[in-house]
Structure formats: structure tokens, C-alpha cells
């Protein structure tokens, strides 16, 4: 009998450490060729991931999540915030995207993300006056629908909504940004009233990006040579310091006990000199054990709910913030794992379970034609290919940065060719390109074959018009 009890206890322990409590992932879908939603949901389940944060409420995604038991944060994009300022529209949104899935065997919606980082300075106050009313209307609509006790509305915010003064740059001096302090206080007050968490996105990688003077080790969790001393509290990493700056800002606003949810945190693997699998693994090897141990931060010890960013790479994302934007996934574009990791936080790293039964396009690539005579329009053709294809791996310090000039052209041409679902007309470039069935990848640079996807952004019916446009542009 005691043996049976021991086996049961072991099984319970295994189930408990299969994943970090409270750990979720961000599932973004800005890809030219998307994995089928059902495939992604199965991948989540296979890896014990029980929480997912979306950036919309797409019907096919929600349908795939139905019956999975996975806890879901659905989202209202920024471009819909204005509409949510009308209460009737908010009620319709809740009915369509939350209430319709609220049945046994439906979708386990826990949060509604109202906008996404709407107060970024780069938005020039575009969403300043419409975010709080949208938040209020959505939560009130949830309450009216009888869902308010189980589903909470929140606003995922960038960490730039709070800061410490330049002359006292320590976490305990954290305050909300002066230009939005009153608005942030009203938002926090509303969140508290409804028992909703404050959602913040924290990116230690961005502390390094573009700042060669930032202490490199401070972006990770395995020890910095010179900790930041804040009234006797040593801060050895930027995540803790950033998080506690928010804790201090909330306290200064009169809501120091507000629950905090980390909506996005992760490390990209390409597109910048610091974006690689080695640094990503170092980051996750530090983050996940801390979460598993419920260590928390100096000012907020204990459990933190965290969503990793992100699940899969997205080749159609805007790279305005940086070329790394396409490479945040812990899985590649095709749902295959990039590096070994342990979502239980026990540092027993192994490759995660990749997407199953992925269908690829045929084994052919588009490459620079070495027999091409007129190279005068090569630069223009490469620029065009990279406008519609993801060439971010060619950036300085990235995985394909060591290619020669012909290799750069081949990479650009192939990315365009694959985005266009390998349409033969997409591999010409005024005679500068040709097809090959020989894999032209190098030991460090992968020339991809795209997955076969019925939901690709650029349909084959559009290829002809794009190629015609290309011919016209390049003949000018």
C-alpha cells in the first residue's frame, strides 16, 4: 500500500513541476505562413503550457483553443479602442469574443487585454484619451454579462509608463511618467476596484539594444559584478530593478498592493549582435528557475504570473523597433524548437516538443544567378526582395551576416521566393536569380523552406500582380 502511495505522490510531483506555475506564452500570428491553430494548440498541450496570451480574438484561434483547458488572455487591438468607447460596441465585443465561448468545453478566457502598449511615446498620444474609457466599458460589459468575477480586463503596458528620476535612478524612487501620472492613477484605481492585475511588459534585452555602455551581465540573472544598491537592497539584474520600479510607482500612487502580471518577457535569437540562442538560453536558464522557486523580487517576493514572449517567430512583424522583432519565439517559424530549455524551471534542459505533422513546400530555393551579366540593378532587386521578405538575419551580428555579396543576394531572393509560396515567377529578378534544388544553407545561415499554409498573408493570386509591379519599378 505504501508503495502505491509513493507512486501517486511521485506522479503528483511530476505533474507539479511539468511547468512553472503561472507560466504562459504569447501567441502572435504576424507571419506570412501561419501554422494551423490546431497544430499550435497541440504543441502547447504537448509541452504542458497552460496559459496563452493572444493579440486579438481570431475565431479560428479561439475555436482551436475550445476544450483545451488552456487559460486564455484575448485582446482588443489598439485600432479598435476608439470603437470600445461606445458601450454598446463593448457589449457586442464581449458577447462575440468572450461570452459565446463561455460554456463547458469552450474557451477558458481569464483576461481581456484592452490595447497593447497604447502609451508608447512613439504613438504621440494617439490612444491617450480612449484607453481608459475602453477599459471601463469592457470590464463593465463583462460584469453585465455575468462574467466579471472570472474574467478581468487589463491594459498591457510598456515599462516606459514609469521611471526613476535621473538624479536618483533606483527602484525605490519609481514613479509613473509625469505626462501620464493622473491617467495611470485612474487606470490603477479602476483595476483595483475590479480585482484586475496591472499588466507590464519587461524586456531586459532592450536595455542592451543600442546601448553599448549598459553592463552586459546586468541583463541576465546569474550575477552582475556591480549590483545597484538601493538603500541597502542590492539589485543584481535589470528585471528585478524594473519590476520594483513599478512596485514603487504603484505605492506612490496609493495602490502598493496591486497585483502585477508580466505580460511579455523574453529574448530574441536573431537580428542583432546580442540576439542569439546562446544569450536566449542564458536568459531563460536564469528566469525560469526563479519563477519556479517563487522567488519574486526584493519589493515583491513570491509568485509572479509571467507570459514568455514569444511562442513562434513572426516574419511579418514590423521591424521599426529593430530587426530582432521577427525572432522572439522559443520555436522557429515552423514550430520546431530553437534550443533546449526546461519549462519546469529545474534546468533539466531538453528540446521542447515541436509542432507535429508540419507540411513544407517542396525542397527548392531561389539563389543569385552567377551567370548574370548586368548587375546594375542588383541592389534595387535585393531591396525589393527584402521589402516583402524577412532579411533581418543579414543584419550586423546576426546569423547570416558572414555571407559574401552573392550570398546576401541569394538569401534575399530566397526569402521573397518562400514568402510567395515558391511561385516560379517570384524567382527571376530580371535574370539575376535562378531556382535550385540544392540546399544552399551554410553552417551558420539557414536558407529556409516555408511551410505550406492555407492562411499565408500573400495569396498566390497576388503574386502575378506583385511581379508585374516589380518589373515596372525596376525598369524605371
Protein backbone atom coordinates (compact mmCIF):
# COMPACT_ATOMS: atom_id res chain seq x y z
CA UNK A 1 0.00 0.00 0.00
CA UNK A 2 2.81 2.41 0.90
CA UNK A 3 4.40 1.71 -2.49
CA UNK A 4 1.17 2.74 -4.24
CA UNK A 5 1.01 5.92 -2.18
CA UNK A 6 4.62 6.64 -3.05
CA UNK A 7 3.90 6.23 -6.77
CA UNK A 8 0.89 8.55 -6.52
CA UNK A 9 2.95 11.19 -4.71
CA UNK A 10 5.63 10.91 -7.40
CA UNK A 11 3.05 11.40 -10.13
CA UNK A 12 1.67 14.45 -8.36
CA UNK A 13 5.20 15.87 -8.04
CA UNK A 14 5.91 15.24 -11.73
CA UNK A 15 2.67 16.97 -12.69
CA UNK A 16 3.53 19.89 -10.43
CA UNK A 17 6.95 20.55 -11.95
CA UNK A 18 5.98 19.86 -15.55
CA UNK A 19 5.65 23.60 -15.95
CA UNK A 20 6.28 26.69 -13.87
CA UNK A 21 3.13 27.71 -12.02
CA UNK A 22 1.61 30.78 -13.63
CA UNK A 23 3.79 30.49 -16.75
CA UNK A 24 2.20 31.36 -20.06
CA UNK A 25 3.32 32.26 -23.57
CA UNK A 26 2.41 34.95 -26.07
CA UNK A 27 0.99 33.51 -29.29
CA UNK A 28 1.48 36.06 -32.04
CA UNK A 29 0.36 35.37 -35.59
CA UNK A 30 2.03 38.05 -37.73
CA UNK A 31 3.55 35.52 -40.10
CA UNK A 32 3.43 35.16 -43.85
CA UNK A 33 2.69 31.46 -43.42
CA UNK A 34 0.91 30.55 -40.23
CA UNK A 35 0.92 27.22 -38.50
CA UNK A 36 -2.63 25.82 -38.28
CA UNK A 37 -4.17 26.89 -34.94
CA UNK A 38 -4.96 23.28 -34.07
CA UNK A 39 -1.28 22.40 -34.52
CA UNK A 40 -0.21 25.23 -32.20
CA UNK A 41 -2.73 24.26 -29.52
CA UNK A 42 -1.48 20.68 -29.60
CA UNK A 43 2.08 21.97 -29.31
CA UNK A 44 1.08 23.98 -26.22
CA UNK A 45 -0.52 20.92 -24.66
CA UNK A 46 2.42 18.66 -25.53
CA UNK A 47 4.73 20.99 -23.64
CA UNK A 48 2.50 21.47 -20.62
CA UNK A 49 1.88 25.15 -21.35
CA UNK A 50 -1.44 26.02 -19.72
CA UNK A 51 -1.71 29.76 -20.32
CA UNK A 52 -1.65 31.73 -23.55
CA UNK A 53 -1.87 35.42 -24.34
CA UNK A 54 -3.28 36.43 -27.71
CA UNK A 55 -3.17 39.73 -29.60
CA UNK A 56 -6.70 39.50 -30.95
CA UNK A 57 -9.73 37.22 -30.66
CA UNK A 58 -9.48 35.47 -34.02
CA UNK A 59 -12.28 32.96 -34.43
CA UNK A 60 -10.09 30.15 -35.80
CA UNK A 61 -7.67 30.54 -32.90
CA UNK A 62 -10.45 30.57 -30.32
CA UNK A 63 -12.13 27.56 -31.90
CA UNK A 64 -8.85 25.63 -31.74
CA UNK A 65 -8.49 26.52 -28.05
CA UNK A 66 -12.01 25.32 -27.22
CA UNK A 67 -11.96 22.31 -24.95
CA UNK A 68 -8.19 22.52 -24.42
CA UNK A 69 -8.43 23.79 -20.85
CA UNK A 70 -5.71 26.33 -21.64
CA UNK A 71 -6.23 29.64 -19.86
CA UNK A 72 -6.54 32.48 -22.39
CA UNK A 73 -5.99 36.22 -22.50
CA UNK A 74 -7.85 37.56 -25.53
CA UNK A 75 -7.07 41.02 -26.85
CA UNK A 76 -8.55 44.13 -28.40
CA UNK A 77 -6.03 45.72 -30.81
CA UNK A 78 -5.25 49.41 -30.48
CA UNK A 79 -7.11 50.23 -33.67
CA UNK A 80 -10.35 49.04 -32.02
CA UNK A 81 -10.03 51.08 -28.84
CA UNK A 82 -12.00 54.02 -30.22
CA UNK A 83 -14.93 51.76 -31.04
CA UNK A 84 -14.87 50.37 -27.49
CA UNK A 85 -15.54 53.88 -26.19
CA UNK A 86 -19.18 53.20 -27.14
CA UNK A 87 -20.69 50.93 -24.51
CA UNK A 88 -22.95 49.14 -27.00
CA UNK A 89 -19.90 48.23 -29.07
CA UNK A 90 -18.10 46.99 -25.97
CA UNK A 91 -21.08 44.79 -25.10
CA UNK A 92 -21.16 43.39 -28.63
CA UNK A 93 -17.43 42.64 -28.46
CA UNK A 94 -17.78 40.82 -25.15
CA UNK A 95 -20.76 38.84 -26.44
CA UNK A 96 -18.94 37.81 -29.63
CA UNK A 97 -15.47 37.15 -28.27
CA UNK A 98 -15.95 36.06 -24.66
CA UNK A 99 -19.49 35.08 -23.78
CA UNK A 100 -20.04 32.87 -26.85
CA UNK A 101 -17.12 30.68 -25.73
CA UNK A 102 -18.22 30.56 -22.09
CA UNK A 103 -19.64 27.05 -21.91
CA UNK A 104 -18.48 23.65 -20.73
CA UNK A 105 -15.91 22.56 -23.27
CA UNK A 106 -15.50 26.14 -24.50
CA UNK A 107 -12.57 28.54 -24.09
CA UNK A 108 -11.21 29.31 -20.64
CA UNK A 109 -10.94 33.10 -21.01
CA UNK A 110 -9.42 34.71 -17.93
CA UNK A 111 -8.31 38.13 -19.16
CA UNK A 112 -9.15 40.65 -21.84
CA UNK A 113 -6.19 42.76 -22.93
CA UNK A 114 -7.54 46.20 -23.81
CA UNK A 115 -5.00 47.53 -26.29
CA UNK A 116 -1.30 46.79 -26.39
CA UNK A 117 1.24 49.27 -25.01
CA UNK A 118 -1.04 52.18 -26.00
CA UNK A 119 1.02 54.84 -24.21
CA UNK A 120 4.28 54.33 -26.09
CA UNK A 121 5.82 57.73 -26.80
CA UNK A 122 6.14 56.74 -30.45
CA UNK A 123 2.31 56.76 -30.70
CA UNK A 124 2.29 60.51 -29.96
CA UNK A 125 -0.70 60.31 -27.58
CA UNK A 126 -2.93 58.71 -30.21
CA UNK A 127 -4.59 56.43 -27.63
CA UNK A 128 -4.23 58.64 -24.58
CA UNK A 129 -7.88 59.63 -24.22
CA UNK A 130 -9.56 56.44 -25.38
CA UNK A 131 -7.79 53.66 -23.46
CA UNK A 132 -9.33 54.17 -20.02
CA UNK A 133 -12.92 54.51 -21.34
CA UNK A 134 -12.38 51.34 -23.40
CA UNK A 135 -11.07 49.51 -20.34
CA UNK A 136 -14.03 50.66 -18.25
CA UNK A 137 -16.59 49.70 -20.90
CA UNK A 138 -15.12 46.23 -21.47
CA UNK A 139 -14.98 45.41 -17.75
CA UNK A 140 -18.48 46.79 -17.20
CA UNK A 141 -19.74 44.75 -20.15
CA UNK A 142 -18.10 41.65 -18.66
CA UNK A 143 -19.77 42.42 -15.35
CA UNK A 144 -23.15 42.93 -17.00
CA UNK A 145 -22.77 39.62 -18.86
CA UNK A 146 -22.20 37.85 -15.54
CA UNK A 147 -18.54 37.15 -16.35
CA UNK A 148 -16.85 39.85 -14.27
CA UNK A 149 -15.93 37.56 -11.38
CA UNK A 150 -13.92 35.22 -13.61
CA UNK A 151 -12.79 37.44 -16.49
CA UNK A 152 -10.81 40.63 -15.87
CA UNK A 153 -9.98 43.44 -18.27
CA UNK A 154 -6.44 44.83 -18.14
CA UNK A 155 -4.14 47.02 -20.26
CA UNK A 156 -0.76 45.57 -21.25
CA UNK A 157 1.65 48.47 -20.82
CA UNK A 158 5.25 49.02 -21.77
CA UNK A 159 7.67 49.60 -18.91
CA UNK A 160 8.18 53.15 -20.14
CA UNK A 161 4.99 54.25 -18.32
CA UNK A 162 7.09 54.51 -15.14
CA UNK A 163 10.61 55.68 -14.38
CA UNK A 164 13.02 56.83 -11.70
CA UNK A 165 14.48 60.36 -11.82
CA UNK A 166 17.88 60.71 -13.42
CA UNK A 167 19.38 62.03 -10.18
CA UNK A 168 18.07 59.10 -8.13
CA UNK A 169 17.90 56.20 -10.56
CA UNK A 170 16.94 53.44 -8.14
CA UNK A 171 13.79 51.26 -7.92
CA UNK A 172 12.51 52.84 -4.70
CA UNK A 173 12.25 56.20 -6.48
CA UNK A 174 9.93 54.79 -9.18
CA UNK A 175 7.03 56.97 -10.26
CA UNK A 176 4.58 56.96 -13.15
CA UNK A 177 5.68 59.10 -16.07
CA UNK A 178 4.85 62.72 -15.29
CA UNK A 179 2.89 63.33 -18.51
CA UNK A 180 0.50 60.41 -17.79
CA UNK A 181 0.62 60.21 -13.99
CA UNK A 182 -3.02 61.22 -13.44
CA UNK A 183 -4.25 58.87 -16.16
CA UNK A 184 -2.18 55.96 -14.84
CA UNK A 185 -3.54 56.56 -11.34
CA UNK A 186 -7.11 56.41 -12.66
CA UNK A 187 -6.35 53.17 -14.53
CA UNK A 188 -4.78 51.56 -11.47
CA UNK A 189 -7.73 52.67 -9.34
CA UNK A 190 -10.15 51.02 -11.77
CA UNK A 191 -8.09 47.82 -11.96
CA UNK A 192 -8.06 47.60 -8.17
CA UNK A 193 -11.77 48.19 -7.92
CA UNK A 194 -12.41 45.22 -10.21
CA UNK A 195 -9.70 42.91 -8.89
CA UNK A 196 -7.76 43.04 -12.16
CA UNK A 197 -3.95 42.94 -12.41
CA UNK A 198 -1.62 45.63 -13.69
CA UNK A 199 -0.02 44.13 -16.82
CA UNK A 200 3.50 45.20 -17.76
CA UNK A 201 5.93 44.12 -20.48
CA UNK A 202 9.56 43.98 -19.34
CA UNK A 203 12.43 43.48 -21.79
CA UNK A 204 15.96 43.25 -20.37
CA UNK A 205 17.19 42.72 -23.94
CA UNK A 206 16.13 46.25 -24.85
CA UNK A 207 18.37 47.62 -22.12
CA UNK A 208 21.29 46.26 -24.12
CA UNK A 209 19.95 47.10 -27.56
CA UNK A 210 21.59 50.21 -28.87
CA UNK A 211 23.38 50.90 -25.59
CA UNK A 212 26.92 49.57 -25.53
CA UNK A 213 27.50 51.20 -22.15
CA UNK A 214 24.86 49.10 -20.40
CA UNK A 215 26.51 46.46 -18.16
CA UNK A 216 26.02 43.27 -20.15
CA UNK A 217 25.66 40.83 -17.24
CA UNK A 218 23.01 43.02 -15.61
CA UNK A 219 20.56 41.93 -18.33
CA UNK A 220 20.72 38.33 -17.05
CA UNK A 221 20.10 36.58 -13.73
CA UNK A 222 23.43 34.90 -12.99
CA UNK A 223 25.16 37.73 -11.24
CA UNK A 224 26.35 41.23 -12.05
CA UNK A 225 29.80 42.41 -10.97
CA UNK A 226 28.44 45.68 -9.59
CA UNK A 227 24.91 45.39 -8.16
CA UNK A 228 22.81 48.53 -7.87
CA UNK A 229 22.46 49.46 -4.21
CA UNK A 230 19.08 50.90 -3.27
CA UNK A 231 19.01 51.80 0.42
CA UNK A 232 20.82 48.60 1.30
CA UNK A 233 18.93 46.40 -1.19
CA UNK A 234 21.28 45.01 -3.87
CA UNK A 235 19.83 44.64 -7.37
CA UNK A 236 21.81 42.17 -9.46
CA UNK A 237 19.65 42.24 -12.61
CA UNK A 238 17.57 44.71 -14.58
CA UNK A 239 14.38 42.61 -14.43
CA UNK A 240 14.14 42.92 -10.64
CA UNK A 241 15.05 46.59 -10.76
CA UNK A 242 12.45 47.30 -13.45
CA UNK A 243 9.71 45.33 -11.70
CA UNK A 244 10.37 47.03 -8.37
CA UNK A 245 10.37 50.44 -10.01
CA UNK A 246 6.78 49.65 -10.94
CA UNK A 247 6.04 48.44 -7.39
CA UNK A 248 7.31 51.79 -6.09
CA UNK A 249 5.28 53.74 -8.66
CA UNK A 250 2.12 51.88 -7.60
CA UNK A 251 2.88 52.57 -3.95
CA UNK A 252 3.43 56.26 -4.66
CA UNK A 253 0.05 56.36 -6.42
CA UNK A 254 -1.60 54.85 -3.34
CA UNK A 255 -2.06 51.30 -4.68
CA UNK A 256 1.04 49.48 -3.49
CA UNK A 257 -0.67 46.09 -3.19
CA UNK A 258 -1.91 45.96 -6.79
CA UNK A 259 -1.38 42.56 -8.42
CA UNK A 260 1.21 42.68 -11.20
CA UNK A 261 1.19 40.40 -14.24
CA UNK A 262 4.21 40.34 -16.55
CA UNK A 263 2.58 40.21 -19.95
CA UNK A 264 5.75 39.84 -22.00
CA UNK A 265 9.34 38.89 -21.21
CA UNK A 266 11.83 37.04 -23.38
CA UNK A 267 14.95 37.19 -25.51
CA UNK A 268 15.22 37.24 -29.34
CA UNK A 269 17.58 34.93 -31.21
CA UNK A 270 18.49 36.89 -34.35
CA UNK A 271 18.53 40.34 -35.91
CA UNK A 272 21.07 41.95 -33.55
CA UNK A 273 24.55 41.25 -32.20
CA UNK A 274 23.07 40.39 -28.78
CA UNK A 275 20.16 38.40 -30.19
CA UNK A 276 21.28 34.78 -30.41
CA UNK A 277 20.39 31.39 -28.99
CA UNK A 278 23.26 31.46 -26.50
CA UNK A 279 22.05 34.65 -24.84
CA UNK A 280 18.43 33.50 -25.02
CA UNK A 281 19.31 30.24 -23.26
CA UNK A 282 21.28 32.13 -20.61
CA UNK A 283 18.30 34.40 -20.02
CA UNK A 284 15.72 31.61 -19.73
CA UNK A 285 18.06 29.47 -17.62
CA UNK A 286 18.02 32.34 -15.14
CA UNK A 287 14.38 33.39 -15.40
CA UNK A 288 12.57 30.05 -15.26
CA UNK A 289 14.19 28.64 -12.07
CA UNK A 290 13.43 31.94 -10.29
CA UNK A 291 9.79 31.68 -11.31
CA UNK A 292 9.64 28.02 -10.28
CA UNK A 293 11.04 28.89 -6.85
CA UNK A 294 8.53 31.75 -6.44
CA UNK A 295 11.47 33.97 -5.55
CA UNK A 296 9.90 37.19 -6.76
CA UNK A 297 11.76 40.48 -6.34
CA UNK A 298 13.12 42.36 -3.31
CA UNK A 299 9.99 44.52 -3.01
CA UNK A 300 7.52 41.85 -4.13
CA UNK A 301 8.78 38.40 -3.07
CA UNK A 302 6.75 35.36 -4.04
CA UNK A 303 4.68 34.26 -7.00
CA UNK A 304 4.70 36.25 -10.26
CA UNK A 305 2.45 35.41 -13.20
CA UNK A 306 4.56 35.65 -16.37
CA UNK A 307 3.97 35.20 -20.10
CA UNK A 308 7.04 34.45 -22.20
CA UNK A 309 7.44 36.35 -25.44
CA UNK A 310 7.00 34.63 -27.62
CA UNK A 311 5.91 31.27 -28.87
CA UNK A 312 6.93 31.24 -32.56
CA UNK A 313 8.90 33.60 -34.80
CA UNK A 314 6.82 36.04 -36.85
CA UNK A 315 8.34 37.06 -40.18
CA UNK A 316 5.65 39.64 -40.96
CA UNK A 317 6.13 41.78 -37.85
CA UNK A 318 7.13 45.40 -38.19
CA UNK A 319 10.86 45.81 -37.67
CA UNK A 320 10.56 49.52 -36.88
CA UNK A 321 11.67 48.86 -33.26
CA UNK A 322 14.57 46.70 -34.53
CA UNK A 323 15.38 43.77 -36.79
CA UNK A 324 15.13 41.39 -33.83
CA UNK A 325 11.33 41.78 -33.80
CA UNK A 326 10.86 38.76 -36.08
CA UNK A 327 12.84 36.44 -33.81
CA UNK A 328 11.33 36.40 -30.31
CA UNK A 329 9.98 32.85 -30.49
CA UNK A 330 11.20 29.93 -28.42
CA UNK A 331 10.12 27.99 -31.53
CA UNK A 332 11.07 28.72 -35.14
CA UNK A 333 8.59 29.84 -37.77
CA UNK A 334 7.74 26.17 -38.41
CA UNK A 335 7.08 25.33 -34.77
CA UNK A 336 10.36 23.49 -34.20
CA UNK A 337 12.35 24.24 -31.02
CA UNK A 338 15.38 26.51 -31.29
CA UNK A 339 17.30 25.35 -28.24
CA UNK A 340 16.91 23.06 -25.21
CA UNK A 341 15.07 24.55 -22.25
CA UNK A 342 13.12 23.43 -19.20
CA UNK A 343 9.70 24.99 -18.66
CA UNK A 344 9.55 23.42 -15.21
CA UNK A 345 12.40 25.68 -14.11
CA UNK A 346 14.52 22.74 -12.92
CA UNK A 347 17.28 23.40 -15.50
CA UNK A 348 16.88 19.89 -16.92
CA UNK A 349 17.16 21.32 -20.40
CA UNK A 350 15.95 19.34 -23.39
CA UNK A 351 14.37 20.23 -26.69
CA UNK A 352 10.72 21.11 -26.37
CA UNK A 353 8.18 19.12 -28.36
CA UNK A 354 7.82 20.77 -31.75
CA UNK A 355 4.78 21.16 -33.95
CA UNK A 356 3.65 17.82 -35.33
CA UNK A 357 2.97 16.87 -38.96
CA UNK A 358 4.11 20.22 -40.36
CA UNK A 359 3.80 20.34 -44.13
CA UNK A 360 6.57 22.12 -46.02
CA UNK A 361 6.78 23.46 -49.53
CA UNK A 362 8.97 21.48 -52.00
CA UNK A 363 12.74 21.35 -51.45
CA UNK A 364 13.78 24.17 -53.74
CA UNK A 365 15.42 27.51 -53.23
CA UNK A 366 15.92 30.74 -55.14
CA UNK A 367 19.53 31.89 -55.47
CA UNK A 368 21.65 34.51 -57.16
CA UNK A 369 22.39 33.56 -60.77
CA UNK A 370 26.20 33.55 -61.08
CA UNK A 371 25.87 33.80 -64.86
CA UNK A 372 24.00 37.11 -64.67
CA UNK A 373 25.77 39.78 -66.74
CA UNK A 374 24.08 43.06 -65.86
CA UNK A 375 24.44 43.67 -62.13
CA UNK A 376 23.49 47.32 -62.27
CA UNK A 377 20.05 46.63 -60.79
CA UNK A 378 21.13 44.04 -58.23
CA UNK A 379 20.86 46.43 -55.27
CA UNK A 380 17.36 47.51 -56.27
CA UNK A 381 16.24 43.91 -56.63
CA UNK A 382 17.65 42.97 -53.22
CA UNK A 383 15.91 45.97 -51.66
CA UNK A 384 12.64 44.88 -53.22
CA UNK A 385 13.05 41.28 -52.05
CA UNK A 386 13.76 42.44 -48.51
CA UNK A 387 10.73 44.74 -48.53
CA UNK A 388 8.44 41.73 -48.87
CA UNK A 389 10.66 39.08 -47.26
CA UNK A 390 12.39 38.87 -43.90
CA UNK A 391 16.07 39.72 -44.38
CA UNK A 392 16.75 40.56 -40.75
CA UNK A 393 19.21 37.67 -40.37
CA UNK A 394 21.58 39.63 -42.65
CA UNK A 395 21.93 42.42 -40.09
CA UNK A 396 25.26 43.11 -38.38
CA UNK A 397 25.99 40.46 -35.77
CA UNK A 398 23.16 38.22 -36.98
CA UNK A 399 23.26 34.59 -38.13
CA UNK A 400 23.71 35.33 -41.85
CA UNK A 401 25.94 38.39 -41.52
CA UNK A 402 29.01 36.49 -42.74
CA UNK A 403 27.74 35.78 -46.27
CA UNK A 404 29.51 37.28 -49.27
CA UNK A 405 27.76 39.62 -51.70
CA UNK A 406 26.34 36.78 -53.78
CA UNK A 407 25.20 35.02 -50.63
CA UNK A 408 23.40 38.15 -49.46
CA UNK A 409 21.56 38.32 -52.78
CA UNK A 410 20.66 34.63 -52.61
CA UNK A 411 19.34 34.99 -49.09
CA UNK A 412 17.16 37.96 -50.02
CA UNK A 413 15.86 36.31 -53.18
CA UNK A 414 15.04 33.07 -51.36
CA UNK A 415 13.16 34.80 -48.54
CA UNK A 416 10.98 36.59 -51.10
CA UNK A 417 10.52 33.36 -53.06
CA UNK A 418 9.42 31.44 -49.96
CA UNK A 419 7.05 34.21 -48.81
CA UNK A 420 5.48 34.00 -52.26
CA UNK A 421 4.87 30.28 -51.69
CA UNK A 422 7.59 29.33 -54.19
CA UNK A 423 5.80 30.71 -57.20
CA UNK A 424 8.26 30.35 -60.08
CA UNK A 425 7.64 33.93 -61.19
CA UNK A 426 8.96 35.09 -57.81
CA UNK A 427 12.47 33.80 -58.67
CA UNK A 428 13.57 35.86 -61.63
CA UNK A 429 14.57 39.36 -60.55
CA UNK A 430 15.39 40.45 -64.12
CA UNK A 431 17.55 37.39 -64.73
CA UNK A 432 19.55 37.88 -61.53
CA UNK A 433 18.08 34.80 -59.82
CA UNK A 434 17.55 31.15 -60.58
CA UNK A 435 15.95 28.09 -58.95
CA UNK A 436 17.96 25.29 -57.37
CA UNK A 437 17.11 22.03 -55.66
CA UNK A 438 20.42 22.04 -53.78
CA UNK A 439 20.23 23.32 -50.21
CA UNK A 440 22.33 26.49 -50.19
CA UNK A 441 22.35 26.92 -46.41
CA UNK A 442 25.67 27.43 -44.63
CA UNK A 443 26.70 26.11 -41.18
CA UNK A 444 25.52 29.36 -39.59
CA UNK A 445 22.89 30.61 -42.03
CA UNK A 446 19.68 28.73 -42.73
CA UNK A 447 18.05 29.27 -46.12
CA UNK A 448 14.53 28.28 -45.15
CA UNK A 449 11.84 26.35 -46.92
CA UNK A 450 8.48 27.81 -45.94
CA UNK A 451 5.68 25.77 -44.52
CA UNK A 452 2.61 25.09 -46.58
CA UNK A 453 -0.12 27.27 -45.18
CA UNK A 454 -3.66 27.96 -46.30
CA UNK A 455 -3.58 31.23 -44.37
CA UNK A 456 -0.48 32.84 -45.87
CA UNK A 457 -0.69 36.61 -45.93
CA UNK A 458 0.20 36.88 -49.60
CA UNK A 459 -2.03 34.65 -51.66
CA UNK A 460 -0.77 33.08 -54.84
CA UNK A 461 -3.39 35.08 -56.74
CA UNK A 462 -1.49 38.23 -55.80
CA UNK A 463 1.91 37.02 -56.92
CA UNK A 464 1.40 37.88 -60.56
CA UNK A 465 0.44 41.48 -59.77
CA UNK A 466 3.43 41.83 -57.43
CA UNK A 467 5.82 40.52 -60.04
CA UNK A 468 4.35 42.89 -62.62
CA UNK A 469 4.78 45.74 -60.14
CA UNK A 470 8.38 44.67 -59.54
CA UNK A 471 9.10 44.72 -63.25
CA UNK A 472 7.63 48.19 -63.62
CA UNK A 473 9.51 49.60 -60.62
CA UNK A 474 12.87 48.17 -61.60
CA UNK A 475 12.57 49.22 -65.22
CA UNK A 476 12.25 52.88 -64.23
